[in-house]
mmCIF file of all heavy atoms, coordinates in Angstrom:
data_MODEL
# 
_entry.id   MODEL 
# 
loop_
_atom_site.group_PDB 
_atom_site.id 
_atom_site.type_symbol 
_atom_site.label_atom_id 
_atom_site.label_alt_id 
_atom_site.label_comp_id 
_atom_site.label_asym_id 
_atom_site.label_entity_id 
_atom_site.label_seq_id 
_atom_site.pdbx_PDB_ins_code 
_atom_site.Cartn_x 
_atom_site.Cartn_y 
_atom_site.Cartn_z 
_atom_site.occupancy 
_atom_site.B_iso_or_equiv 
_atom_site.pdbx_formal_charge 
_atom_site.auth_seq_id 
_atom_site.auth_comp_id 
_atom_site.auth_asym_id 
_atom_site.auth_atom_id 
_atom_site.pdbx_PDB_model_num 
ATOM 1   N N   . TYR A 1 1  ? 0.839   -1.209 0.000   1.00 0.00 ? 1  TYR A N   1 
ATOM 2   C CA  . TYR A 1 1  ? 0.000   0.000  0.000   1.00 0.00 ? 1  TYR A CA  1 
ATOM 3   C C   . TYR A 1 1  ? 0.870   1.253  0.000   1.00 0.00 ? 1  TYR A C   1 
ATOM 4   O O   . TYR A 1 1  ? 0.560   2.231  -0.695  1.00 0.00 ? 1  TYR A O   1 
ATOM 5   C CB  . TYR A 1 1  ? -0.918  0.002  1.220   1.00 0.00 ? 1  TYR A CB  1 
ATOM 6   C CG  . TYR A 1 1  ? -1.862  1.176  1.239   1.00 0.00 ? 1  TYR A CG  1 
ATOM 7   C CD1 . TYR A 1 1  ? -2.967  1.218  0.396   1.00 0.00 ? 1  TYR A CD1 1 
ATOM 8   C CD2 . TYR A 1 1  ? -1.628  2.265  2.084   1.00 0.00 ? 1  TYR A CD2 1 
ATOM 9   C CE1 . TYR A 1 1  ? -3.824  2.304  0.400   1.00 0.00 ? 1  TYR A CE1 1 
ATOM 10  C CE2 . TYR A 1 1  ? -2.483  3.353  2.091   1.00 0.00 ? 1  TYR A CE2 1 
ATOM 11  C CZ  . TYR A 1 1  ? -3.583  3.361  1.245   1.00 0.00 ? 1  TYR A CZ  1 
ATOM 12  O OH  . TYR A 1 1  ? -4.421  4.449  1.245   1.00 0.00 ? 1  TYR A OH  1 
ATOM 13  N N   . ARG A 1 2  ? 1.957   1.233  0.773   1.00 0.00 ? 2  ARG A N   1 
ATOM 14  C CA  . ARG A 1 2  ? 2.866   2.387  0.806   1.00 0.00 ? 2  ARG A CA  1 
ATOM 15  C C   . ARG A 1 2  ? 3.469   2.634  -0.574  1.00 0.00 ? 2  ARG A C   1 
ATOM 16  O O   . ARG A 1 2  ? 3.558   3.786  -1.029  1.00 0.00 ? 2  ARG A O   1 
ATOM 17  C CB  . ARG A 1 2  ? 3.966   2.147  1.840   1.00 0.00 ? 2  ARG A CB  1 
ATOM 18  C CG  . ARG A 1 2  ? 4.908   3.328  2.020   1.00 0.00 ? 2  ARG A CG  1 
ATOM 19  C CD  . ARG A 1 2  ? 6.049   2.964  2.961   1.00 0.00 ? 2  ARG A CD  1 
ATOM 20  N NE  . ARG A 1 2  ? 6.928   4.095  3.153   1.00 0.00 ? 2  ARG A NE  1 
ATOM 21  C CZ  . ARG A 1 2  ? 6.884   4.931  4.187   1.00 0.00 ? 2  ARG A CZ  1 
ATOM 22  N NH1 . ARG A 1 2  ? 5.984   4.755  5.141   1.00 0.00 ? 2  ARG A NH1 1 
ATOM 23  N NH2 . ARG A 1 2  ? 7.731   5.944  4.291   1.00 0.00 ? 2  ARG A NH2 1 
ATOM 24  N N   . GLU A 1 3  ? 3.863   1.556  -1.248  1.00 0.00 ? 3  GLU A N   1 
ATOM 25  C CA  . GLU A 1 3  ? 4.416   1.695  -2.586  1.00 0.00 ? 3  GLU A CA  1 
ATOM 26  C C   . GLU A 1 3  ? 3.380   2.265  -3.559  1.00 0.00 ? 3  GLU A C   1 
ATOM 27  O O   . GLU A 1 3  ? 3.676   3.149  -4.365  1.00 0.00 ? 3  GLU A O   1 
ATOM 28  C CB  . GLU A 1 3  ? 4.902   0.326  -3.085  1.00 0.00 ? 3  GLU A CB  1 
ATOM 29  C CG  . GLU A 1 3  ? 5.588   0.373  -4.438  1.00 0.00 ? 3  GLU A CG  1 
ATOM 30  C CD  . GLU A 1 3  ? 6.067   -1.004 -4.877  1.00 0.00 ? 3  GLU A CD  1 
ATOM 31  O OE1 . GLU A 1 3  ? 6.036   -1.943 -4.034  1.00 0.00 ? 3  GLU A OE1 1 
ATOM 32  O OE2 . GLU A 1 3  ? 6.468   -1.146 -6.054  1.00 0.00 ? 3  GLU A OE2 1 
ATOM 33  N N   . TYR A 1 4  ? 2.135   1.765  -3.468  1.00 0.00 ? 4  TYR A N   1 
ATOM 34  C CA  . TYR A 1 4  ? 1.053   2.261  -4.314  1.00 0.00 ? 4  TYR A CA  1 
ATOM 35  C C   . TYR A 1 4  ? 0.743   3.729  -3.999  1.00 0.00 ? 4  TYR A C   1 
ATOM 36  O O   . TYR A 1 4  ? 0.517   4.547  -4.902  1.00 0.00 ? 4  TYR A O   1 
ATOM 37  C CB  . TYR A 1 4  ? -0.202  1.416  -4.116  1.00 0.00 ? 4  TYR A CB  1 
ATOM 38  C CG  . TYR A 1 4  ? -1.448  2.007  -4.717  1.00 0.00 ? 4  TYR A CG  1 
ATOM 39  C CD1 . TYR A 1 4  ? -1.625  2.067  -6.093  1.00 0.00 ? 4  TYR A CD1 1 
ATOM 40  C CD2 . TYR A 1 4  ? -2.455  2.540  -3.894  1.00 0.00 ? 4  TYR A CD2 1 
ATOM 41  C CE1 . TYR A 1 4  ? -2.772  2.634  -6.639  1.00 0.00 ? 4  TYR A CE1 1 
ATOM 42  C CE2 . TYR A 1 4  ? -3.592  3.100  -4.427  1.00 0.00 ? 4  TYR A CE2 1 
ATOM 43  C CZ  . TYR A 1 4  ? -3.746  3.153  -5.801  1.00 0.00 ? 4  TYR A CZ  1 
ATOM 44  O OH  . TYR A 1 4  ? -4.874  3.718  -6.344  1.00 0.00 ? 4  TYR A OH  1 
ATOM 45  N N   . TYR A 1 5  ? 0.783   4.073  -2.718  1.00 0.00 ? 5  TYR A N   1 
ATOM 46  C CA  . TYR A 1 5  ? 0.479   5.436  -2.279  1.00 0.00 ? 5  TYR A CA  1 
ATOM 47  C C   . TYR A 1 5  ? 1.471   6.426  -2.883  1.00 0.00 ? 5  TYR A C   1 
ATOM 48  O O   . TYR A 1 5  ? 1.087   7.474  -3.421  1.00 0.00 ? 5  TYR A O   1 
ATOM 49  C CB  . TYR A 1 5  ? 0.509   5.501  -0.750  1.00 0.00 ? 5  TYR A CB  1 
ATOM 50  C CG  . TYR A 1 5  ? -0.057  6.767  -0.175  1.00 0.00 ? 5  TYR A CG  1 
ATOM 51  C CD1 . TYR A 1 5  ? -1.388  6.845  0.196   1.00 0.00 ? 5  TYR A CD1 1 
ATOM 52  C CD2 . TYR A 1 5  ? 0.742   7.891  0.008   1.00 0.00 ? 5  TYR A CD2 1 
ATOM 53  C CE1 . TYR A 1 5  ? -1.915  8.006  0.732   1.00 0.00 ? 5  TYR A CE1 1 
ATOM 54  C CE2 . TYR A 1 5  ? 0.232   9.061  0.537   1.00 0.00 ? 5  TYR A CE2 1 
ATOM 55  C CZ  . TYR A 1 5  ? -1.104  9.100  0.902   1.00 0.00 ? 5  TYR A CZ  1 
ATOM 56  O OH  . TYR A 1 5  ? -1.623  10.261 1.418   1.00 0.00 ? 5  TYR A OH  1 
ATOM 57  N N   . TYR A 1 6  ? 2.768   6.096  -2.807  1.00 0.00 ? 6  TYR A N   1 
ATOM 58  C CA  . TYR A 1 6  ? 3.782   6.985  -3.368  1.00 0.00 ? 6  TYR A CA  1 
ATOM 59  C C   . TYR A 1 6  ? 3.673   7.057  -4.885  1.00 0.00 ? 6  TYR A C   1 
ATOM 60  O O   . TYR A 1 6  ? 3.954   8.092  -5.493  1.00 0.00 ? 6  TYR A O   1 
ATOM 61  C CB  . TYR A 1 6  ? 5.179   6.526  -2.951  1.00 0.00 ? 6  TYR A CB  1 
ATOM 62  C CG  . TYR A 1 6  ? 5.597   7.087  -1.612  1.00 0.00 ? 6  TYR A CG  1 
ATOM 63  C CD1 . TYR A 1 6  ? 5.239   6.446  -0.429  1.00 0.00 ? 6  TYR A CD1 1 
ATOM 64  C CD2 . TYR A 1 6  ? 6.335   8.264  -1.526  1.00 0.00 ? 6  TYR A CD2 1 
ATOM 65  C CE1 . TYR A 1 6  ? 5.611   6.961  0.809   1.00 0.00 ? 6  TYR A CE1 1 
ATOM 66  C CE2 . TYR A 1 6  ? 6.716   8.787  -0.312  1.00 0.00 ? 6  TYR A CE2 1 
ATOM 67  C CZ  . TYR A 1 6  ? 6.350   8.133  0.862   1.00 0.00 ? 6  TYR A CZ  1 
ATOM 68  O OH  . TYR A 1 6  ? 6.712   8.661  2.075   1.00 0.00 ? 6  TYR A OH  1 
ATOM 69  N N   . TRP A 1 7  ? 3.262   5.948  -5.515  1.00 0.00 ? 7  TRP A N   1 
ATOM 70  C CA  . TRP A 1 7  ? 3.066   5.958  -6.968  1.00 0.00 ? 7  TRP A CA  1 
ATOM 71  C C   . TRP A 1 7  ? 1.974   6.959  -7.349  1.00 0.00 ? 7  TRP A C   1 
ATOM 72  O O   . TRP A 1 7  ? 2.094   7.679  -8.350  1.00 0.00 ? 7  TRP A O   1 
ATOM 73  C CB  . TRP A 1 7  ? 2.697   4.565  -7.455  1.00 0.00 ? 7  TRP A CB  1 
ATOM 74  C CG  . TRP A 1 7  ? 2.452   4.517  -8.934  1.00 0.00 ? 7  TRP A CG  1 
ATOM 75  C CD1 . TRP A 1 7  ? 3.359   4.275  -9.919  1.00 0.00 ? 7  TRP A CD1 1 
ATOM 76  C CD2 . TRP A 1 7  ? 1.187   4.728  -9.600  1.00 0.00 ? 7  TRP A CD2 1 
ATOM 77  N NE1 . TRP A 1 7  ? 2.768   4.330  -11.154 1.00 0.00 ? 7  TRP A NE1 1 
ATOM 78  C CE2 . TRP A 1 7  ? 1.419   4.607  -10.997 1.00 0.00 ? 7  TRP A CE2 1 
ATOM 79  C CE3 . TRP A 1 7  ? -0.102  5.003  -9.162  1.00 0.00 ? 7  TRP A CE3 1 
ATOM 80  C CZ2 . TRP A 1 7  ? 0.416   4.759  -11.930 1.00 0.00 ? 7  TRP A CZ2 1 
ATOM 81  C CZ3 . TRP A 1 7  ? -1.106  5.168  -10.099 1.00 0.00 ? 7  TRP A CZ3 1 
ATOM 82  C CH2 . TRP A 1 7  ? -0.837  5.038  -11.462 1.00 0.00 ? 7  TRP A CH2 1 
ATOM 83  N N   . CYS A 1 8  ? 0.900   7.039  -6.538  1.00 0.00 ? 8  CYS A N   1 
ATOM 84  C CA  . CYS A 1 8  ? -0.193  7.981  -6.818  1.00 0.00 ? 8  CYS A CA  1 
ATOM 85  C C   . CYS A 1 8  ? 0.313   9.422  -6.805  1.00 0.00 ? 8  CYS A C   1 
ATOM 86  O O   . CYS A 1 8  ? -0.072  10.239 -7.656  1.00 0.00 ? 8  CYS A O   1 
ATOM 87  C CB  . CYS A 1 8  ? -1.319  7.814  -5.796  1.00 0.00 ? 8  CYS A CB  1 
ATOM 88  S SG  . CYS A 1 8  ? -2.198  6.247  -5.927  1.00 0.00 ? 8  CYS A SG  1 
ATOM 89  N N   . PHE A 1 9  ? 1.183   9.738  -5.850  1.00 0.00 ? 9  PHE A N   1 
ATOM 90  C CA  . PHE A 1 9  ? 1.701   11.104 -5.768  1.00 0.00 ? 9  PHE A CA  1 
ATOM 91  C C   . PHE A 1 9  ? 2.711   11.393 -6.871  1.00 0.00 ? 9  PHE A C   1 
ATOM 92  O O   . PHE A 1 9  ? 2.844   12.539 -7.310  1.00 0.00 ? 9  PHE A O   1 
ATOM 93  C CB  . PHE A 1 9  ? 2.344   11.340 -4.395  1.00 0.00 ? 9  PHE A CB  1 
ATOM 94  C CG  . PHE A 1 9  ? 1.383   11.849 -3.370  1.00 0.00 ? 9  PHE A CG  1 
ATOM 95  C CD1 . PHE A 1 9  ? 0.510   10.978 -2.732  1.00 0.00 ? 9  PHE A CD1 1 
ATOM 96  C CD2 . PHE A 1 9  ? 1.324   13.186 -3.058  1.00 0.00 ? 9  PHE A CD2 1 
ATOM 97  C CE1 . PHE A 1 9  ? -0.395  11.444 -1.796  1.00 0.00 ? 9  PHE A CE1 1 
ATOM 98  C CE2 . PHE A 1 9  ? 0.420   13.671 -2.122  1.00 0.00 ? 9  PHE A CE2 1 
ATOM 99  C CZ  . PHE A 1 9  ? -0.436  12.800 -1.494  1.00 0.00 ? 9  PHE A CZ  1 
ATOM 100 N N   . GLU A 1 10 ? 3.422   10.367 -7.322  1.00 0.00 ? 10 GLU A N   1 
ATOM 101 C CA  . GLU A 1 10 ? 4.386   10.570 -8.405  1.00 0.00 ? 10 GLU A CA  1 
ATOM 102 C C   . GLU A 1 10 ? 3.706   10.652 -9.766  1.00 0.00 ? 10 GLU A C   1 
ATOM 103 O O   . GLU A 1 10 ? 4.289   11.181 -10.718 1.00 0.00 ? 10 GLU A O   1 
ATOM 104 C CB  . GLU A 1 10 ? 5.406   9.420  -8.405  1.00 0.00 ? 10 GLU A CB  1 
ATOM 105 C CG  . GLU A 1 10 ? 6.333   9.433  -7.195  1.00 0.00 ? 10 GLU A CG  1 
ATOM 106 C CD  . GLU A 1 10 ? 7.129   8.141  -7.084  1.00 0.00 ? 10 GLU A CD  1 
ATOM 107 O OE1 . GLU A 1 10 ? 6.960   7.270  -7.975  1.00 0.00 ? 10 GLU A OE1 1 
ATOM 108 O OE2 . GLU A 1 10 ? 7.900   7.997  -6.118  1.00 0.00 ? 10 GLU A OE2 1 
ATOM 109 N N   . HIS A 1 11 ? 2.484   10.136 -9.867  1.00 0.00 ? 11 HIS A N   1 
ATOM 110 C CA  . HIS A 1 11 ? 1.742   10.155 -11.132 1.00 0.00 ? 11 HIS A CA  1 
ATOM 111 C C   . HIS A 1 11 ? 0.357   10.753 -10.906 1.00 0.00 ? 11 HIS A C   1 
ATOM 112 O O   . HIS A 1 11 ? -0.667  10.061 -11.039 1.00 0.00 ? 11 HIS A O   1 
ATOM 113 C CB  . HIS A 1 11 ? 1.610   8.740  -11.717 1.00 0.00 ? 11 HIS A CB  1 
ATOM 114 C CG  . HIS A 1 11 ? 2.925   8.064  -11.955 1.00 0.00 ? 11 HIS A CG  1 
ATOM 115 N ND1 . HIS A 1 11 ? 3.610   7.399  -10.964 1.00 0.00 ? 11 HIS A ND1 1 
ATOM 116 C CD2 . HIS A 1 11 ? 3.691   7.973  -13.081 1.00 0.00 ? 11 HIS A CD2 1 
ATOM 117 C CE1 . HIS A 1 11 ? 4.724   6.912  -11.462 1.00 0.00 ? 11 HIS A CE1 1 
ATOM 118 N NE2 . HIS A 1 11 ? 4.808   7.245  -12.730 1.00 0.00 ? 11 HIS A NE2 1 
ATOM 119 N N   . PRO A 1 12 ? 0.287   12.039 -10.520 1.00 0.00 ? 12 PRO A N   1 
ATOM 120 C CA  . PRO A 1 12 ? -1.031  12.649 -10.279 1.00 0.00 ? 12 PRO A CA  1 
ATOM 121 C C   . PRO A 1 12 ? -1.828  12.784 -11.566 1.00 0.00 ? 12 PRO A C   1 
ATOM 122 O O   . PRO A 1 12 ? -1.270  12.979 -12.645 1.00 0.00 ? 12 PRO A O   1 
ATOM 123 C CB  . PRO A 1 12 ? -0.674  14.021 -9.696  1.00 0.00 ? 12 PRO A CB  1 
ATOM 124 C CG  . PRO A 1 12 ? 0.669   14.320 -10.251 1.00 0.00 ? 12 PRO A CG  1 
ATOM 125 C CD  . PRO A 1 12 ? 1.377   13.006 -10.363 1.00 0.00 ? 12 PRO A CD  1 
ATOM 126 N N   . ARG A 1 13 ? -3.134  12.663 -11.438 1.00 0.00 ? 13 ARG A N   1 
ATOM 127 C CA  . ARG A 1 13 ? -4.025  12.868 -12.576 1.00 0.00 ? 13 ARG A CA  1 
ATOM 128 C C   . ARG A 1 13 ? -4.516  14.305 -12.547 1.00 0.00 ? 13 ARG A C   1 
ATOM 129 O O   . ARG A 1 13 ? -4.970  14.798 -11.521 1.00 0.00 ? 13 ARG A O   1 
ATOM 130 C CB  . ARG A 1 13 ? -5.217  11.910 -12.504 1.00 0.00 ? 13 ARG A CB  1 
ATOM 131 C CG  . ARG A 1 13 ? -4.828  10.442 -12.675 1.00 0.00 ? 13 ARG A CG  1 
ATOM 132 C CD  . ARG A 1 13 ? -6.004  9.532  -12.370 1.00 0.00 ? 13 ARG A CD  1 
ATOM 133 N NE  . ARG A 1 13 ? -7.141  9.833  -13.218 1.00 0.00 ? 13 ARG A NE  1 
ATOM 134 C CZ  . ARG A 1 13 ? -8.398  9.482  -12.930 1.00 0.00 ? 13 ARG A CZ  1 
ATOM 135 N NH1 . ARG A 1 13 ? -8.671  8.843  -11.802 1.00 0.00 ? 13 ARG A NH1 1 
ATOM 136 N NH2 . ARG A 1 13 ? -9.376  9.783  -13.742 1.00 0.00 ? 13 ARG A NH2 1 
ATOM 137 N N   . GLU A 1 14 ? -4.404  14.978 -13.679 1.00 0.00 ? 14 GLU A N   1 
ATOM 138 C CA  . GLU A 1 14 ? -4.778  16.388 -13.750 1.00 0.00 ? 14 GLU A CA  1 
ATOM 139 C C   . GLU A 1 14 ? -6.298  16.521 -13.814 1.00 0.00 ? 14 GLU A C   1 
ATOM 140 O O   . GLU A 1 14 ? -6.878  16.780 -14.862 1.00 0.00 ? 14 GLU A O   1 
ATOM 141 C CB  . GLU A 1 14 ? -4.122  17.036 -14.969 1.00 0.00 ? 14 GLU A CB  1 
ATOM 142 C CG  . GLU A 1 14 ? -2.607  17.043 -14.926 1.00 0.00 ? 14 GLU A CG  1 
ATOM 143 C CD  . GLU A 1 14 ? -2.075  18.060 -13.920 1.00 0.00 ? 14 GLU A CD  1 
ATOM 144 O OE1 . GLU A 1 14 ? -2.812  18.993 -13.581 1.00 0.00 ? 14 GLU A OE1 1 
ATOM 145 O OE2 . GLU A 1 14 ? -0.931  17.894 -13.479 1.00 0.00 ? 14 GLU A OE2 1 
ATOM 146 N N   . ILE A 1 15 ? -6.948  16.327 -12.657 1.00 0.00 ? 15 ILE A N   1 
ATOM 147 C CA  . ILE A 1 15 ? -8.405  16.452 -12.572 1.00 0.00 ? 15 ILE A CA  1 
ATOM 148 C C   . ILE A 1 15 ? -8.739  17.778 -11.902 1.00 0.00 ? 15 ILE A C   1 
ATOM 149 O O   . ILE A 1 15 ? -8.247  18.047 -10.811 1.00 0.00 ? 15 ILE A O   1 
ATOM 150 C CB  . ILE A 1 15 ? -9.019  15.291 -11.764 1.00 0.00 ? 15 ILE A CB  1 
ATOM 151 C CG1 . ILE A 1 15 ? -8.750  13.969 -12.493 1.00 0.00 ? 15 ILE A CG1 1 
ATOM 152 C CG2 . ILE A 1 15 ? -10.505 15.488 -11.562 1.00 0.00 ? 15 ILE A CG2 1 
ATOM 153 C CD1 . ILE A 1 15 ? -9.262  12.772 -11.774 1.00 0.00 ? 15 ILE A CD1 1 
ATOM 154 N N   . PRO A 1 16 ? -9.567  18.634 -12.507 1.00 0.00 ? 16 PRO A N   1 
ATOM 155 C CA  . PRO A 1 16 ? -9.889  19.924 -11.895 1.00 0.00 ? 16 PRO A CA  1 
ATOM 156 C C   . PRO A 1 16 ? -10.551 19.744 -10.542 1.00 0.00 ? 16 PRO A C   1 
ATOM 157 O O   . PRO A 1 16 ? -11.311 18.807 -10.327 1.00 0.00 ? 16 PRO A O   1 
ATOM 158 C CB  . PRO A 1 16 ? -10.857 20.570 -12.898 1.00 0.00 ? 16 PRO A CB  1 
ATOM 159 C CG  . PRO A 1 16 ? -10.618 19.854 -14.175 1.00 0.00 ? 16 PRO A CG  1 
ATOM 160 C CD  . PRO A 1 16 ? -10.223 18.464 -13.809 1.00 0.00 ? 16 PRO A CD  1 
ATOM 161 N N   . THR A 1 17 ? -10.254 20.659 -9.604  1.00 0.00 ? 17 THR A N   1 
ATOM 162 C CA  . THR A 1 17 ? -10.901 20.622 -8.297  1.00 0.00 ? 17 THR A CA  1 
ATOM 163 C C   . THR A 1 17 ? -12.318 21.150 -8.420  1.00 0.00 ? 17 THR A C   1 
ATOM 164 O O   . THR A 1 17 ? -12.720 21.671 -9.446  1.00 0.00 ? 17 THR A O   1 
ATOM 165 C CB  . THR A 1 17 ? -10.119 21.474 -7.285  1.00 0.00 ? 17 THR A CB  1 
ATOM 166 O OG1 . THR A 1 17 ? -10.061 22.816 -7.776  1.00 0.00 ? 17 THR A OG1 1 
ATOM 167 C CG2 . THR A 1 17 ? -8.714  20.945 -7.114  1.00 0.00 ? 17 THR A CG2 1 
ATOM 168 N N   . HIS A 1 18 ? -13.077 21.038 -7.308  1.00 0.00 ? 18 HIS A N   1 
ATOM 169 C CA  . HIS A 1 18 ? -14.485 21.410 -7.348  1.00 0.00 ? 18 HIS A CA  1 
ATOM 170 C C   . HIS A 1 18 ? -14.681 22.916 -7.297  1.00 0.00 ? 18 HIS A C   1 
ATOM 171 O O   . HIS A 1 18 ? -15.787 23.403 -7.402  1.00 0.00 ? 18 HIS A O   1 
ATOM 172 C CB  . HIS A 1 18 ? -15.231 20.776 -6.178  1.00 0.00 ? 18 HIS A CB  1 
ATOM 173 C CG  . HIS A 1 18 ? -14.780 21.272 -4.836  1.00 0.00 ? 18 HIS A CG  1 
ATOM 174 N ND1 . HIS A 1 18 ? -13.535 20.992 -4.338  1.00 0.00 ? 18 HIS A ND1 1 
ATOM 175 C CD2 . HIS A 1 18 ? -15.391 22.035 -3.910  1.00 0.00 ? 18 HIS A CD2 1 
ATOM 176 C CE1 . HIS A 1 18 ? -13.406 21.546 -3.143  1.00 0.00 ? 18 HIS A CE1 1 
ATOM 177 N NE2 . HIS A 1 18 ? -14.512 22.187 -2.860  1.00 0.00 ? 18 HIS A NE2 1 
ATOM 178 N N   . TYR A 1 19 ? -13.613 23.703 -7.094  1.00 0.00 ? 19 TYR A N   1 
ATOM 179 C CA  . TYR A 1 19 ? -13.752 25.150 -7.076  1.00 0.00 ? 19 TYR A CA  1 
ATOM 180 C C   . TYR A 1 19 ? -12.795 25.757 -8.100  1.00 0.00 ? 19 TYR A C   1 
ATOM 181 O O   . TYR A 1 19 ? -11.662 25.353 -8.257  1.00 0.00 ? 19 TYR A O   1 
ATOM 182 C CB  . TYR A 1 19 ? -13.454 25.729 -5.689  1.00 0.00 ? 19 TYR A CB  1 
ATOM 183 C CG  . TYR A 1 19 ? -12.132 25.299 -5.100  1.00 0.00 ? 19 TYR A CG  1 
ATOM 184 C CD1 . TYR A 1 19 ? -10.968 26.026 -5.316  1.00 0.00 ? 19 TYR A CD1 1 
ATOM 185 C CD2 . TYR A 1 19 ? -12.059 24.130 -4.350  1.00 0.00 ? 19 TYR A CD2 1 
ATOM 186 C CE1 . TYR A 1 19 ? -9.775  25.625 -4.785  1.00 0.00 ? 19 TYR A CE1 1 
ATOM 187 C CE2 . TYR A 1 19 ? -10.850 23.715 -3.816  1.00 0.00 ? 19 TYR A CE2 1 
ATOM 188 C CZ  . TYR A 1 19 ? -9.716  24.477 -4.034  1.00 0.00 ? 19 TYR A CZ  1 
ATOM 189 O OH  . TYR A 1 19 ? -8.521  24.074 -3.506  1.00 0.00 ? 19 TYR A OH  1 
ATOM 190 N N   . ASN A 1 20 ? -13.311 26.743 -8.834  1.00 0.00 ? 20 ASN A N   1 
ATOM 191 C CA  . ASN A 1 20 ? -12.517 27.534 -9.790  1.00 0.00 ? 20 ASN A CA  1 
ATOM 192 C C   . ASN A 1 20 ? -11.925 26.724 -10.942 1.00 0.00 ? 20 ASN A C   1 
ATOM 193 O O   . ASN A 1 20 ? -11.161 27.250 -11.727 1.00 0.00 ? 20 ASN A O   1 
ATOM 194 C CB  . ASN A 1 20 ? -11.367 28.268 -9.081  1.00 0.00 ? 20 ASN A CB  1 
ATOM 195 C CG  . ASN A 1 20 ? -11.886 29.238 -8.054  1.00 0.00 ? 20 ASN A CG  1 
ATOM 196 O OD1 . ASN A 1 20 ? -13.000 29.714 -8.165  1.00 0.00 ? 20 ASN A OD1 1 
ATOM 197 N ND2 . ASN A 1 20 ? -11.100 29.516 -7.043  1.00 0.00 ? 20 ASN A ND2 1 
ATOM 198 N N   . GLY A 1 21 ? -12.220 25.413 -11.016 1.00 0.00 ? 21 GLY A N   1 
ATOM 199 C CA  . GLY A 1 21 ? -11.680 24.600 -12.095 1.00 0.00 ? 21 GLY A CA  1 
ATOM 200 C C   . GLY A 1 21 ? -10.161 24.578 -12.111 1.00 0.00 ? 21 GLY A C   1 
ATOM 201 O O   . GLY A 1 21 ? -9.550  24.417 -13.151 1.00 0.00 ? 21 GLY A O   1 
ATOM 202 N N   . SER A 1 22 ? -9.526  24.750 -10.953 1.00 0.00 ? 22 SER A N   1 
ATOM 203 C CA  . SER A 1 22 ? -8.071  24.830 -10.912 1.00 0.00 ? 22 SER A CA  1 
ATOM 204 C C   . SER A 1 22 ? -7.463  23.497 -10.512 1.00 0.00 ? 22 SER A C   1 
ATOM 205 O O   . SER A 1 22 ? -8.158  22.593 -10.068 1.00 0.00 ? 22 SER A O   1 
ATOM 206 C CB  . SER A 1 22 ? -7.636  25.903 -9.908  1.00 0.00 ? 22 SER A CB  1 
ATOM 207 O OG  . SER A 1 22 ? -7.999  25.515 -8.603  1.00 0.00 ? 22 SER A OG  1 
ATOM 208 N N   . ASN A 1 23 ? -6.150  23.383 -10.673 1.00 0.00 ? 23 ASN A N   1 
ATOM 209 C CA  . ASN A 1 23 ? -5.402  22.210 -10.215 1.00 0.00 ? 23 ASN A CA  1 
ATOM 210 C C   . ASN A 1 23 ? -4.469  22.643 -9.091  1.00 0.00 ? 23 ASN A C   1 
ATOM 211 O O   . ASN A 1 23 ? -3.281  22.386 -9.110  1.00 0.00 ? 23 ASN A O   1 
ATOM 212 C CB  . ASN A 1 23 ? -4.592  21.610 -11.369 1.00 0.00 ? 23 ASN A CB  1 
ATOM 213 C CG  . ASN A 1 23 ? -5.490  21.040 -12.439 1.00 0.00 ? 23 ASN A CG  1 
ATOM 214 O OD1 . ASN A 1 23 ? -6.342  20.221 -12.156 1.00 0.00 ? 23 ASN A OD1 1 
ATOM 215 N ND2 . ASN A 1 23 ? -5.324  21.496 -13.658 1.00 0.00 ? 23 ASN A ND2 1 
ATOM 216 N N   . TYR A 1 24 ? -5.027  23.321 -8.094  1.00 0.00 ? 24 TYR A N   1 
ATOM 217 C CA  . TYR A 1 24 ? -4.207  24.010 -7.095  1.00 0.00 ? 24 TYR A CA  1 
ATOM 218 C C   . TYR A 1 24 ? -3.265  23.065 -6.367  1.00 0.00 ? 24 TYR A C   1 
ATOM 219 O O   . TYR A 1 24 ? -2.069  23.281 -6.327  1.00 0.00 ? 24 TYR A O   1 
ATOM 220 C CB  . TYR A 1 24 ? -5.107  24.715 -6.088  1.00 0.00 ? 24 TYR A CB  1 
ATOM 221 C CG  . TYR A 1 24 ? -4.342  25.274 -4.913  1.00 0.00 ? 24 TYR A CG  1 
ATOM 222 C CD1 . TYR A 1 24 ? -3.576  26.433 -5.060  1.00 0.00 ? 24 TYR A CD1 1 
ATOM 223 C CD2 . TYR A 1 24 ? -4.349  24.640 -3.695  1.00 0.00 ? 24 TYR A CD2 1 
ATOM 224 C CE1 . TYR A 1 24 ? -2.853  26.944 -4.014  1.00 0.00 ? 24 TYR A CE1 1 
ATOM 225 C CE2 . TYR A 1 24 ? -3.627  25.149 -2.636  1.00 0.00 ? 24 TYR A CE2 1 
ATOM 226 C CZ  . TYR A 1 24 ? -2.884  26.308 -2.795  1.00 0.00 ? 24 TYR A CZ  1 
ATOM 227 O OH  . TYR A 1 24 ? -2.172  26.793 -1.748  1.00 0.00 ? 24 TYR A OH  1 
ATOM 228 N N   . TYR A 1 25 ? -3.812  21.989 -5.789  1.00 0.00 ? 25 TYR A N   1 
ATOM 229 C CA  . TYR A 1 25 ? -2.970  21.149 -4.951  1.00 0.00 ? 25 TYR A CA  1 
ATOM 230 C C   . TYR A 1 25 ? -1.913  20.402 -5.762  1.00 0.00 ? 25 TYR A C   1 
ATOM 231 O O   . TYR A 1 25 ? -0.795  20.233 -5.317  1.00 0.00 ? 25 TYR A O   1 
ATOM 232 C CB  . TYR A 1 25 ? -3.827  20.150 -4.169  1.00 0.00 ? 25 TYR A CB  1 
ATOM 233 C CG  . TYR A 1 25 ? -4.534  20.791 -3.000  1.00 0.00 ? 25 TYR A CG  1 
ATOM 234 C CD1 . TYR A 1 25 ? -5.906  20.860 -2.949  1.00 0.00 ? 25 TYR A CD1 1 
ATOM 235 C CD2 . TYR A 1 25 ? -3.806  21.343 -1.953  1.00 0.00 ? 25 TYR A CD2 1 
ATOM 236 C CE1 . TYR A 1 25 ? -6.548  21.452 -1.885  1.00 0.00 ? 25 TYR A CE1 1 
ATOM 237 C CE2 . TYR A 1 25 ? -4.438  21.944 -0.889  1.00 0.00 ? 25 TYR A CE2 1 
ATOM 238 C CZ  . TYR A 1 25 ? -5.815  21.997 -0.852  1.00 0.00 ? 25 TYR A CZ  1 
ATOM 239 O OH  . TYR A 1 25 ? -6.436  22.596 0.192   1.00 0.00 ? 25 TYR A OH  1 
ATOM 240 N N   . ILE A 1 26 ? -2.282  19.960 -6.954  1.00 0.00 ? 26 ILE A N   1 
ATOM 241 C CA  . ILE A 1 26 ? -1.296  19.266 -7.786  1.00 0.00 ? 26 ILE A CA  1 
ATOM 242 C C   . ILE A 1 26 ? -0.186  20.227 -8.183  1.00 0.00 ? 26 ILE A C   1 
ATOM 243 O O   . ILE A 1 26 ? 0.991   19.950 -8.034  1.00 0.00 ? 26 ILE A O   1 
ATOM 244 C CB  . ILE A 1 26 ? -1.975  18.671 -9.035  1.00 0.00 ? 26 ILE A CB  1 
ATOM 245 C CG1 . ILE A 1 26 ? -2.978  17.586 -8.624  1.00 0.00 ? 26 ILE A CG1 1 
ATOM 246 C CG2 . ILE A 1 26 ? -0.941  18.104 -9.988  1.00 0.00 ? 26 ILE A CG2 1 
ATOM 247 C CD1 . ILE A 1 26 ? -3.772  17.029 -9.756  1.00 0.00 ? 26 ILE A CD1 1 
# 
């Protein structure tokens, strides 16, 4: 799970957030 978790952060999906249509956190 730790390996999968770090993989998610290394390969973020550019999905707009629910406000302003931005990708702020990514």
